[in-house]
N, C-alpha and C. Protein backbone atom coordinates (compact mmCIF):
# COMPACT_ATOMS: atom_id res chain seq x y z
N MET A 1 0.85 -1.16 0.00
CA MET A 1 0.00 0.00 0.00
C MET A 1 0.90 1.23 0.00
N THR A 2 0.63 2.15 -0.90
CA THR A 2 1.46 3.34 -1.02
C THR A 2 0.65 4.57 -0.63
N PHE A 3 1.24 5.43 0.17
CA PHE A 3 0.59 6.66 0.58
C PHE A 3 1.48 7.82 0.15
N THR A 4 1.26 8.27 -1.08
CA THR A 4 2.07 9.35 -1.64
C THR A 4 1.15 10.33 -2.34
N ARG A 5 1.69 11.47 -2.70
CA ARG A 5 0.91 12.44 -3.46
C ARG A 5 1.45 12.42 -4.89
N ASN A 6 0.64 11.97 -5.82
CA ASN A 6 0.98 12.03 -7.24
C ASN A 6 -0.30 12.10 -8.05
N SER A 7 -0.21 11.95 -9.34
CA SER A 7 -1.38 12.13 -10.19
C SER A 7 -2.38 10.97 -10.11
N HIS A 8 -2.05 9.91 -9.39
CA HIS A 8 -2.96 8.77 -9.28
C HIS A 8 -3.39 8.55 -7.84
N THR A 9 -3.69 9.63 -7.15
CA THR A 9 -4.09 9.49 -5.75
C THR A 9 -5.49 10.03 -5.52
N VAL A 10 -6.06 9.56 -4.41
CA VAL A 10 -7.32 10.10 -3.91
C VAL A 10 -7.06 10.60 -2.50
N SER A 11 -7.83 11.56 -2.10
CA SER A 11 -7.78 12.08 -0.74
C SER A 11 -8.79 11.28 0.07
N VAL A 12 -8.33 10.65 1.15
CA VAL A 12 -9.19 9.79 1.97
C VAL A 12 -9.28 10.38 3.38
N HIS A 13 -10.50 10.43 3.91
CA HIS A 13 -10.74 10.92 5.27
C HIS A 13 -11.58 9.88 6.01
N ILE A 14 -11.19 9.61 7.24
CA ILE A 14 -11.86 8.60 8.06
C ILE A 14 -12.48 9.28 9.26
N PHE A 15 -13.74 8.95 9.58
CA PHE A 15 -14.44 9.61 10.67
C PHE A 15 -14.95 8.63 11.71
N GLY A 16 -15.19 9.17 12.90
CA GLY A 16 -15.82 8.44 13.99
C GLY A 16 -15.10 7.18 14.41
N ALA A 17 -15.88 6.17 14.73
CA ALA A 17 -15.35 4.91 15.25
C ALA A 17 -14.44 4.19 14.25
N LEU A 18 -14.53 4.54 12.98
CA LEU A 18 -13.66 3.90 11.99
C LEU A 18 -12.19 4.27 12.22
N ARG A 19 -11.97 5.33 12.95
CA ARG A 19 -10.60 5.78 13.20
C ARG A 19 -9.79 4.75 13.99
N THR A 20 -10.46 3.90 14.75
CA THR A 20 -9.72 2.88 15.51
C THR A 20 -8.97 1.95 14.57
N HIS A 21 -9.50 1.73 13.38
CA HIS A 21 -8.82 0.87 12.40
C HIS A 21 -7.55 1.55 11.89
N MET A 22 -7.58 2.85 11.79
CA MET A 22 -6.39 3.59 11.36
C MET A 22 -5.37 3.63 12.50
N ASP A 23 -5.86 3.85 13.72
CA ASP A 23 -4.97 3.88 14.89
C ASP A 23 -4.20 2.57 15.01
N SER A 24 -4.89 1.46 14.81
CA SER A 24 -4.24 0.15 14.99
C SER A 24 -3.13 -0.09 13.97
N GLN A 25 -3.15 0.67 12.87
CA GLN A 25 -2.13 0.53 11.83
C GLN A 25 -1.12 1.68 11.85
N GLY A 26 -1.34 2.62 12.77
CA GLY A 26 -0.46 3.78 12.83
C GLY A 26 -0.62 4.71 11.64
N LEU A 27 -1.82 4.74 11.08
CA LEU A 27 -2.09 5.58 9.90
C LEU A 27 -2.90 6.81 10.31
N PRO A 28 -2.73 7.91 9.58
CA PRO A 28 -3.50 9.13 9.88
C PRO A 28 -4.96 8.99 9.44
N TYR A 29 -5.79 9.90 9.93
CA TYR A 29 -7.21 9.90 9.59
C TYR A 29 -7.48 10.57 8.25
N ALA A 30 -6.52 11.30 7.75
CA ALA A 30 -6.62 11.95 6.44
C ALA A 30 -5.32 11.65 5.71
N LEU A 31 -5.44 11.12 4.49
CA LEU A 31 -4.24 10.74 3.75
C LEU A 31 -4.50 10.78 2.26
N GLU A 32 -3.43 10.76 1.51
CA GLU A 32 -3.49 10.62 0.06
C GLU A 32 -3.13 9.17 -0.24
N LYS A 33 -3.97 8.47 -0.98
CA LYS A 33 -3.74 7.07 -1.28
C LYS A 33 -3.63 6.87 -2.78
N GLU A 34 -2.62 6.15 -3.18
CA GLU A 34 -2.44 5.84 -4.59
C GLU A 34 -3.46 4.78 -5.01
N ILE A 35 -4.08 5.01 -6.18
CA ILE A 35 -5.02 4.04 -6.72
C ILE A 35 -4.72 3.86 -8.21
N ALA A 36 -5.39 2.87 -8.79
CA ALA A 36 -5.22 2.60 -10.22
C ALA A 36 -5.74 3.78 -11.04
N ARG A 37 -5.13 4.01 -12.17
CA ARG A 37 -5.52 5.11 -13.06
C ARG A 37 -7.00 5.01 -13.45
N GLU A 38 -7.49 3.78 -13.65
CA GLU A 38 -8.88 3.59 -14.05
C GLU A 38 -9.85 3.65 -12.87
N GLY A 39 -9.34 3.89 -11.67
CA GLY A 39 -10.17 4.02 -10.48
C GLY A 39 -10.36 2.71 -9.75
N GLU A 40 -10.91 2.81 -8.56
CA GLU A 40 -11.24 1.67 -7.71
C GLU A 40 -12.55 2.00 -7.00
N THR A 41 -13.25 0.97 -6.56
CA THR A 41 -14.46 1.25 -5.80
C THR A 41 -14.08 1.70 -4.39
N ALA A 42 -14.97 2.46 -3.77
CA ALA A 42 -14.74 2.88 -2.39
C ALA A 42 -14.65 1.64 -1.50
N TYR A 43 -15.39 0.61 -1.83
CA TYR A 43 -15.34 -0.66 -1.09
C TYR A 43 -13.92 -1.21 -1.09
N ASP A 44 -13.29 -1.26 -2.27
CA ASP A 44 -11.92 -1.78 -2.37
C ASP A 44 -10.92 -0.91 -1.63
N ILE A 45 -11.11 0.40 -1.67
CA ILE A 45 -10.22 1.31 -0.94
C ILE A 45 -10.33 1.04 0.56
N ALA A 46 -11.54 0.88 1.06
CA ALA A 46 -11.73 0.58 2.48
C ALA A 46 -11.03 -0.72 2.86
N ARG A 47 -11.19 -1.74 2.04
CA ARG A 47 -10.53 -3.03 2.34
C ARG A 47 -9.02 -2.89 2.33
N GLU A 48 -8.47 -2.13 1.38
CA GLU A 48 -7.02 -1.92 1.33
C GLU A 48 -6.53 -1.20 2.58
N LEU A 49 -7.37 -0.36 3.16
CA LEU A 49 -7.03 0.35 4.38
C LEU A 49 -7.36 -0.49 5.62
N ARG A 50 -7.82 -1.70 5.41
CA ARG A 50 -8.19 -2.64 6.48
C ARG A 50 -9.33 -2.10 7.35
N ILE A 51 -10.25 -1.39 6.69
CA ILE A 51 -11.48 -0.94 7.36
C ILE A 51 -12.57 -1.89 6.90
N PRO A 52 -13.19 -2.65 7.82
CA PRO A 52 -14.24 -3.58 7.41
C PRO A 52 -15.41 -2.84 6.76
N PRO A 53 -15.71 -3.14 5.49
CA PRO A 53 -16.81 -2.44 4.81
C PRO A 53 -18.14 -2.52 5.55
N GLU A 54 -18.37 -3.61 6.29
CA GLU A 54 -19.64 -3.74 7.01
C GLU A 54 -19.74 -2.74 8.16
N LYS A 55 -18.63 -2.11 8.56
CA LYS A 55 -18.63 -1.10 9.61
C LYS A 55 -18.87 0.31 9.05
N ILE A 56 -18.91 0.41 7.72
CA ILE A 56 -19.10 1.71 7.05
C ILE A 56 -20.57 1.88 6.70
N GLU A 57 -21.16 2.95 7.20
CA GLU A 57 -22.57 3.20 6.88
C GLU A 57 -22.71 4.07 5.65
N GLY A 58 -21.80 5.00 5.48
CA GLY A 58 -21.92 5.90 4.34
C GLY A 58 -20.58 6.41 3.88
N ILE A 59 -20.55 6.80 2.60
CA ILE A 59 -19.36 7.45 2.07
C ILE A 59 -19.78 8.74 1.40
N PHE A 60 -18.88 9.69 1.47
CA PHE A 60 -19.04 10.92 0.71
C PHE A 60 -17.97 10.89 -0.38
N LEU A 61 -18.37 11.13 -1.59
CA LEU A 61 -17.45 11.19 -2.72
C LEU A 61 -17.56 12.58 -3.31
N ASN A 62 -16.49 13.34 -3.20
CA ASN A 62 -16.47 14.73 -3.67
C ASN A 62 -17.62 15.54 -3.08
N GLY A 63 -17.89 15.30 -1.79
CA GLY A 63 -18.90 16.08 -1.07
C GLY A 63 -20.33 15.61 -1.20
N ARG A 64 -20.56 14.49 -1.89
CA ARG A 64 -21.92 13.97 -2.06
C ARG A 64 -22.00 12.54 -1.57
N VAL A 65 -23.12 12.18 -0.97
CA VAL A 65 -23.31 10.81 -0.53
C VAL A 65 -23.38 9.91 -1.75
N LYS A 66 -22.58 8.86 -1.74
CA LYS A 66 -22.56 7.90 -2.84
C LYS A 66 -22.58 6.49 -2.27
N ASN A 67 -22.61 5.53 -3.17
CA ASN A 67 -22.62 4.13 -2.78
C ASN A 67 -21.20 3.63 -2.61
N ILE A 68 -20.98 2.76 -1.65
CA ILE A 68 -19.65 2.22 -1.39
C ILE A 68 -19.12 1.41 -2.59
N HIS A 69 -20.01 0.99 -3.47
CA HIS A 69 -19.59 0.23 -4.65
C HIS A 69 -19.35 1.11 -5.88
N ASP A 70 -19.50 2.42 -5.71
CA ASP A 70 -19.22 3.36 -6.80
C ASP A 70 -17.71 3.52 -6.98
N THR A 71 -17.32 3.87 -8.19
CA THR A 71 -15.90 4.02 -8.51
C THR A 71 -15.38 5.39 -8.09
N VAL A 72 -14.20 5.36 -7.50
CA VAL A 72 -13.47 6.55 -7.10
C VAL A 72 -12.29 6.68 -8.06
N PHE A 73 -12.10 7.86 -8.61
CA PHE A 73 -11.05 8.09 -9.59
C PHE A 73 -9.94 8.96 -9.02
N PRO A 74 -8.72 8.88 -9.59
CA PRO A 74 -7.64 9.75 -9.15
C PRO A 74 -8.10 11.21 -9.13
N GLY A 75 -7.74 11.91 -8.06
CA GLY A 75 -8.14 13.30 -7.90
C GLY A 75 -9.39 13.48 -7.06
N ASP A 76 -10.15 12.40 -6.83
CA ASP A 76 -11.38 12.48 -6.04
C ASP A 76 -11.06 12.58 -4.55
N ARG A 77 -12.09 12.97 -3.79
CA ARG A 77 -12.03 13.00 -2.33
C ARG A 77 -13.08 12.03 -1.82
N VAL A 78 -12.69 11.10 -0.95
CA VAL A 78 -13.63 10.13 -0.40
C VAL A 78 -13.53 10.16 1.12
N ALA A 79 -14.69 10.10 1.78
CA ALA A 79 -14.74 10.08 3.24
C ALA A 79 -15.61 8.91 3.68
N PHE A 80 -15.15 8.20 4.69
CA PHE A 80 -15.87 7.03 5.22
C PHE A 80 -16.47 7.38 6.57
N PHE A 81 -17.76 7.07 6.75
CA PHE A 81 -18.48 7.32 7.98
C PHE A 81 -18.96 6.01 8.58
N PRO A 82 -18.89 5.86 9.91
CA PRO A 82 -19.26 4.62 10.56
C PRO A 82 -20.76 4.44 10.72
N GLN A 83 -21.13 3.22 11.10
CA GLN A 83 -22.51 2.95 11.51
C GLN A 83 -22.84 3.89 12.67
N GLY A 84 -24.10 4.29 12.77
CA GLY A 84 -24.52 5.09 13.91
C GLY A 84 -24.72 6.57 13.62
N THR A 85 -24.72 6.95 12.35
CA THR A 85 -25.02 8.34 12.01
C THR A 85 -26.44 8.62 12.50
N PRO A 86 -26.68 9.75 13.18
CA PRO A 86 -28.02 10.03 13.72
C PRO A 86 -29.11 9.91 12.66
N GLY A 87 -30.25 9.34 13.05
CA GLY A 87 -31.37 9.01 12.18
C GLY A 87 -31.78 10.02 11.12
N PRO A 88 -32.17 11.25 11.50
CA PRO A 88 -32.65 12.19 10.48
C PRO A 88 -31.58 12.50 9.42
N TYR A 89 -30.34 12.56 9.84
CA TYR A 89 -29.27 12.88 8.90
C TYR A 89 -29.08 11.76 7.88
N ARG A 90 -29.31 10.52 8.31
CA ARG A 90 -29.19 9.38 7.40
C ARG A 90 -30.17 9.54 6.24
N VAL A 91 -31.36 10.05 6.53
CA VAL A 91 -32.37 10.25 5.49
C VAL A 91 -32.06 11.50 4.68
N PHE A 92 -31.85 12.62 5.35
CA PHE A 92 -31.62 13.89 4.65
C PHE A 92 -30.40 13.84 3.74
N LEU A 93 -29.35 13.20 4.17
CA LEU A 93 -28.12 13.15 3.39
C LEU A 93 -28.16 12.10 2.28
N GLY A 94 -29.10 11.16 2.36
CA GLY A 94 -29.19 10.13 1.34
C GLY A 94 -28.49 8.83 1.71
N ILE A 95 -28.03 8.72 2.94
CA ILE A 95 -27.33 7.50 3.35
C ILE A 95 -28.28 6.30 3.31
N VAL A 96 -29.51 6.49 3.75
CA VAL A 96 -30.48 5.39 3.73
C VAL A 96 -30.68 4.90 2.30
N ARG A 97 -30.87 5.82 1.36
CA ARG A 97 -31.07 5.47 -0.05
C ARG A 97 -29.89 4.67 -0.58
N GLU A 98 -28.69 5.12 -0.28
CA GLU A 98 -27.50 4.42 -0.78
C GLU A 98 -27.31 3.07 -0.11
N ASN A 99 -27.74 2.92 1.13
CA ASN A 99 -27.64 1.61 1.78
C ASN A 99 -28.61 0.61 1.17
N VAL A 100 -29.76 1.07 0.72
CA VAL A 100 -30.69 0.19 0.01
C VAL A 100 -30.05 -0.27 -1.30
N GLU A 101 -29.44 0.67 -2.02
CA GLU A 101 -28.75 0.33 -3.27
C GLU A 101 -27.56 -0.58 -3.01
N ARG A 102 -26.85 -0.35 -1.94
CA ARG A 102 -25.69 -1.20 -1.58
C ARG A 102 -26.16 -2.64 -1.36
N ALA A 103 -27.24 -2.81 -0.61
CA ALA A 103 -27.77 -4.16 -0.34
C ALA A 103 -28.18 -4.84 -1.65
N ARG A 104 -28.80 -4.08 -2.56
CA ARG A 104 -29.19 -4.64 -3.84
C ARG A 104 -27.97 -5.11 -4.62
N ARG A 105 -26.93 -4.28 -4.69
CA ARG A 105 -25.72 -4.64 -5.44
C ARG A 105 -25.02 -5.84 -4.83
N GLU A 106 -24.96 -5.89 -3.50
CA GLU A 106 -24.29 -7.02 -2.84
C GLU A 106 -25.07 -8.31 -3.04
N LYS A 107 -26.40 -8.23 -3.03
CA LYS A 107 -27.22 -9.41 -3.28
C LYS A 107 -27.02 -9.89 -4.72
N GLU A 108 -26.98 -8.95 -5.65
CA GLU A 108 -26.75 -9.28 -7.06
C GLU A 108 -25.38 -9.96 -7.25
N LYS A 109 -24.38 -9.44 -6.59
CA LYS A 109 -23.03 -10.01 -6.65
C LYS A 109 -23.02 -11.43 -6.09
N THR A 110 -23.71 -11.66 -4.98
CA THR A 110 -23.80 -12.98 -4.36
C THR A 110 -24.51 -13.96 -5.28
N ASN A 111 -25.61 -13.50 -5.90
CA ASN A 111 -26.35 -14.37 -6.81
C ASN A 111 -25.50 -14.79 -8.00
N LYS A 112 -24.67 -13.89 -8.52
CA LYS A 112 -23.80 -14.22 -9.64
C LYS A 112 -22.77 -15.26 -9.24
N LYS A 113 -22.24 -15.16 -8.02
CA LYS A 113 -21.25 -16.13 -7.53
C LYS A 113 -21.87 -17.51 -7.39
N ASP A 114 -23.16 -17.56 -6.98
CA ASP A 114 -23.84 -18.83 -6.74
C ASP A 114 -24.20 -19.56 -8.03
N GLN A 115 -24.19 -18.86 -9.14
CA GLN A 115 -24.61 -19.48 -10.42
C GLN A 115 -23.52 -20.32 -11.02
């Protein structure tokens, strides 16, 4: 895993209880992470940072709530938020909507593996 600033990096920010995963690795809560030129999903970035995706309730990509399975490209900003975001904010920000979509995508992925 490389943490450098170059043309193939994303800015990553970790919030709340997810920070314990960074602490255990001696990593900062805000960092520049090198990714593939063609991008990676936020899910894959979390796994590379050893943050269990099931502990992530929402992500912000360039300031907007997105799905953890959406692609993050070099130059983007991604932030990971833990389970437990207060109720009304989950709805207003769109986290609930994206979690429904996340469940659909994960179920679809599981069904494809089973075939």
